[in-house]
Amino acid sequence: MEQEPHRAELDKAAALDALFNPYDIVDALSAYIKGIKTPEQVGAHLRHMRHSISNSVVAAIFERYELEHDAGGKKNGV
C-alpha cells in the first residue's frame, strides 16, 4: 500500500518535531525569514534577544526543515 511508507515518514517527522521546543522552531524560522541565513548567525541573534538556544539546536532545526545556509545573509541581525 502506498500509504504505509508515507505514514512512516510522517511519524518520523512528528518524532523529530517533538524533540524541539515549538518556540525554538518558530523563533529560528522567523530569524531565517528575516534574512539571517546560517545556524550560527541565527543562534547569535536569538541569544542577543535573550533567547536561550544553542547553535546545535539551531543547526538541527536547519537540518530538519532543510533550510539552506547562506553566509551572504544578514550578519547577526543585531
N, C-alpha and C. Protein backbone atom coordinates (compact mmCIF):
# COMPACT_ATOMS: atom_id res chain seq x y z
N MET A 1 0.83 -1.18 0.00
CA MET A 1 0.00 0.00 0.00
C MET A 1 0.88 1.25 0.00
N GLU A 2 0.45 2.26 -0.71
CA GLU A 2 1.21 3.49 -0.79
C GLU A 2 1.19 4.29 0.51
N GLN A 3 0.16 4.14 1.30
CA GLN A 3 0.03 4.95 2.50
C GLN A 3 1.01 4.55 3.59
N GLU A 4 1.41 3.30 3.63
CA GLU A 4 2.29 2.82 4.70
C GLU A 4 3.63 3.57 4.74
N PRO A 5 4.37 3.69 3.62
CA PRO A 5 5.63 4.43 3.68
C PRO A 5 5.41 5.92 4.01
N HIS A 6 4.35 6.49 3.49
CA HIS A 6 4.05 7.90 3.77
C HIS A 6 3.73 8.09 5.24
N ARG A 7 2.98 7.19 5.80
CA ARG A 7 2.62 7.28 7.22
C ARG A 7 3.87 7.15 8.09
N ALA A 8 4.77 6.25 7.74
CA ALA A 8 6.01 6.08 8.49
C ALA A 8 6.85 7.35 8.42
N GLU A 9 6.87 7.99 7.26
CA GLU A 9 7.61 9.24 7.10
C GLU A 9 7.00 10.34 7.98
N LEU A 10 5.68 10.42 8.03
CA LEU A 10 5.01 11.41 8.87
C LEU A 10 5.27 11.14 10.35
N ASP A 11 5.25 9.87 10.74
CA ASP A 11 5.54 9.51 12.13
C ASP A 11 6.97 9.91 12.52
N LYS A 12 7.91 9.70 11.60
CA LYS A 12 9.30 10.06 11.86
C LYS A 12 9.42 11.58 11.99
N ALA A 13 8.76 12.32 11.13
CA ALA A 13 8.80 13.79 11.19
C ALA A 13 8.20 14.29 12.50
N ALA A 14 7.10 13.69 12.93
CA ALA A 14 6.46 14.09 14.19
C ALA A 14 7.38 13.81 15.37
N ALA A 15 8.08 12.69 15.34
CA ALA A 15 9.01 12.35 16.42
C ALA A 15 10.16 13.36 16.48
N LEU A 16 10.67 13.77 15.32
CA LEU A 16 11.73 14.77 15.29
C LEU A 16 11.24 16.11 15.82
N ASP A 17 10.04 16.51 15.43
CA ASP A 17 9.47 17.77 15.89
C ASP A 17 9.29 17.77 17.41
N ALA A 18 8.99 16.63 17.97
CA ALA A 18 8.76 16.53 19.42
C ALA A 18 10.05 16.79 20.21
N LEU A 19 11.20 16.65 19.56
CA LEU A 19 12.48 16.88 20.22
C LEU A 19 12.75 18.37 20.44
N PHE A 20 12.07 19.22 19.69
CA PHE A 20 12.32 20.66 19.75
C PHE A 20 11.21 21.38 20.49
N ASN A 21 11.59 22.42 21.18
CA ASN A 21 10.62 23.31 21.78
C ASN A 21 9.95 24.07 20.62
N PRO A 22 8.63 24.10 20.55
CA PRO A 22 7.97 24.80 19.43
C PRO A 22 8.38 26.26 19.32
N TYR A 23 8.66 26.91 20.45
CA TYR A 23 9.09 28.31 20.41
C TYR A 23 10.47 28.44 19.77
N ASP A 24 11.34 27.46 20.00
CA ASP A 24 12.65 27.47 19.35
C ASP A 24 12.49 27.39 17.84
N ILE A 25 11.60 26.52 17.39
CA ILE A 25 11.37 26.36 15.96
C ILE A 25 10.86 27.67 15.36
N VAL A 26 9.84 28.24 15.98
CA VAL A 26 9.23 29.47 15.45
C VAL A 26 10.25 30.60 15.44
N ASP A 27 10.99 30.76 16.52
CA ASP A 27 11.96 31.84 16.60
C ASP A 27 13.09 31.67 15.58
N ALA A 28 13.58 30.45 15.43
CA ALA A 28 14.64 30.19 14.45
C ALA A 28 14.14 30.42 13.03
N LEU A 29 12.94 29.94 12.73
CA LEU A 29 12.40 30.14 11.38
C LEU A 29 12.10 31.62 11.12
N SER A 30 11.65 32.33 12.12
CA SER A 30 11.38 33.77 11.97
C SER A 30 12.67 34.52 11.65
N ALA A 31 13.74 34.20 12.37
CA ALA A 31 15.03 34.84 12.10
C ALA A 31 15.50 34.50 10.69
N TYR A 32 15.31 33.27 10.27
CA TYR A 32 15.71 32.85 8.92
C TYR A 32 14.93 33.63 7.86
N ILE A 33 13.64 33.78 8.07
CA ILE A 33 12.80 34.51 7.12
C ILE A 33 13.24 35.98 7.04
N LYS A 34 13.69 36.51 8.16
CA LYS A 34 14.14 37.91 8.19
C LYS A 34 15.48 38.10 7.49
N GLY A 35 16.13 37.01 7.09
CA GLY A 35 17.36 37.12 6.32
C GLY A 35 18.61 36.68 7.03
N ILE A 36 18.50 36.12 8.21
CA ILE A 36 19.66 35.61 8.93
C ILE A 36 19.80 34.15 8.52
N LYS A 37 20.81 33.85 7.72
CA LYS A 37 20.80 32.61 6.96
C LYS A 37 21.77 31.51 7.35
N THR A 38 22.45 31.60 8.49
CA THR A 38 23.27 30.46 8.92
C THR A 38 22.86 30.11 10.35
N PRO A 39 23.03 28.85 10.73
CA PRO A 39 22.68 28.46 12.10
C PRO A 39 23.42 29.27 13.16
N GLU A 40 24.70 29.56 12.89
CA GLU A 40 25.49 30.32 13.86
C GLU A 40 24.94 31.73 14.02
N GLN A 41 24.58 32.36 12.89
CA GLN A 41 24.03 33.72 12.94
C GLN A 41 22.66 33.73 13.61
N VAL A 42 21.84 32.74 13.30
CA VAL A 42 20.51 32.66 13.93
C VAL A 42 20.67 32.46 15.44
N GLY A 43 21.56 31.56 15.84
CA GLY A 43 21.78 31.33 17.27
C GLY A 43 22.25 32.58 17.98
N ALA A 44 23.20 33.30 17.37
CA ALA A 44 23.72 34.54 17.97
C ALA A 44 22.61 35.58 18.07
N HIS A 45 21.81 35.70 17.03
CA HIS A 45 20.70 36.65 17.03
C HIS A 45 19.70 36.33 18.14
N LEU A 46 19.35 35.08 18.26
CA LEU A 46 18.36 34.69 19.28
C LEU A 46 18.92 34.88 20.69
N ARG A 47 20.18 34.56 20.88
CA ARG A 47 20.77 34.77 22.21
C ARG A 47 20.85 36.26 22.54
N HIS A 48 21.12 37.09 21.53
CA HIS A 48 21.11 38.54 21.73
C HIS A 48 19.72 39.03 22.16
N MET A 49 18.70 38.35 21.67
CA MET A 49 17.32 38.70 22.01
C MET A 49 16.89 38.02 23.32
N ARG A 50 17.88 37.52 24.08
CA ARG A 50 17.66 36.87 25.39
C ARG A 50 16.93 35.54 25.28
N HIS A 51 17.13 34.85 24.19
CA HIS A 51 16.53 33.53 23.99
C HIS A 51 17.62 32.51 24.28
N SER A 52 17.31 31.54 25.10
CA SER A 52 18.29 30.51 25.45
C SER A 52 18.21 29.36 24.43
N ILE A 53 19.16 29.36 23.50
CA ILE A 53 19.18 28.32 22.47
C ILE A 53 20.63 28.10 22.05
N SER A 54 20.99 26.86 21.82
CA SER A 54 22.36 26.55 21.41
C SER A 54 22.46 26.48 19.89
N ASN A 55 23.68 26.64 19.39
CA ASN A 55 23.90 26.53 17.96
C ASN A 55 23.56 25.12 17.45
N SER A 56 23.77 24.11 18.30
CA SER A 56 23.47 22.75 17.86
C SER A 56 21.97 22.55 17.67
N VAL A 57 21.15 23.18 18.50
CA VAL A 57 19.69 23.09 18.33
C VAL A 57 19.28 23.83 17.05
N VAL A 58 19.87 25.01 16.84
CA VAL A 58 19.55 25.76 15.62
C VAL A 58 19.97 24.96 14.39
N ALA A 59 21.15 24.35 14.44
CA ALA A 59 21.63 23.54 13.31
C ALA A 59 20.69 22.37 13.05
N ALA A 60 20.18 21.76 14.11
CA ALA A 60 19.24 20.64 13.95
C ALA A 60 17.93 21.13 13.33
N ILE A 61 17.49 22.32 13.69
CA ILE A 61 16.27 22.89 13.10
C ILE A 61 16.51 23.17 11.61
N PHE A 62 17.69 23.72 11.28
CA PHE A 62 18.02 23.95 9.87
C PHE A 62 17.96 22.64 9.10
N GLU A 63 18.53 21.60 9.68
CA GLU A 63 18.55 20.30 9.01
C GLU A 63 17.13 19.73 8.87
N ARG A 64 16.36 19.81 9.94
CA ARG A 64 15.00 19.25 9.93
C ARG A 64 14.13 19.91 8.88
N TYR A 65 14.25 21.23 8.75
CA TYR A 65 13.41 21.96 7.80
C TYR A 65 14.11 22.24 6.48
N GLU A 66 15.26 21.61 6.28
CA GLU A 66 16.02 21.68 5.04
C GLU A 66 16.25 23.12 4.61
N LEU A 67 16.70 23.94 5.56
CA LEU A 67 17.00 25.34 5.26
C LEU A 67 18.39 25.45 4.68
N GLU A 68 18.54 26.29 3.68
CA GLU A 68 19.85 26.48 3.06
C GLU A 68 20.67 27.44 3.90
N HIS A 69 21.96 27.17 3.99
CA HIS A 69 22.88 28.05 4.70
C HIS A 69 23.39 29.06 3.69
N ASP A 70 23.31 30.32 4.01
CA ASP A 70 23.77 31.37 3.12
C ASP A 70 24.59 32.37 3.92
N ALA A 71 25.89 32.23 3.85
CA ALA A 71 26.76 33.12 4.62
C ALA A 71 26.64 34.56 4.14
N GLY A 72 26.04 34.79 2.99
CA GLY A 72 25.86 36.14 2.46
C GLY A 72 24.64 36.83 3.04
N GLY A 73 23.89 36.14 3.90
CA GLY A 73 22.70 36.75 4.50
C GLY A 73 23.09 37.82 5.51
N LYS A 74 22.11 38.36 6.18
CA LYS A 74 22.38 39.39 7.19
C LYS A 74 23.35 38.86 8.24
N LYS A 75 24.15 39.72 8.76
CA LYS A 75 25.02 39.37 9.87
C LYS A 75 24.25 39.56 11.16
N ASN A 76 24.23 38.59 11.99
CA ASN A 76 23.60 38.54 13.30
C ASN A 76 22.27 39.28 13.45
N GLY A 77 21.98 40.25 12.64
CA GLY A 77 20.71 40.96 12.73
C GLY A 77 20.58 41.79 13.99
N VAL A 78 21.71 42.06 14.63
CA VAL A 78 21.66 42.81 15.89
C VAL A 78 22.11 44.23 15.72
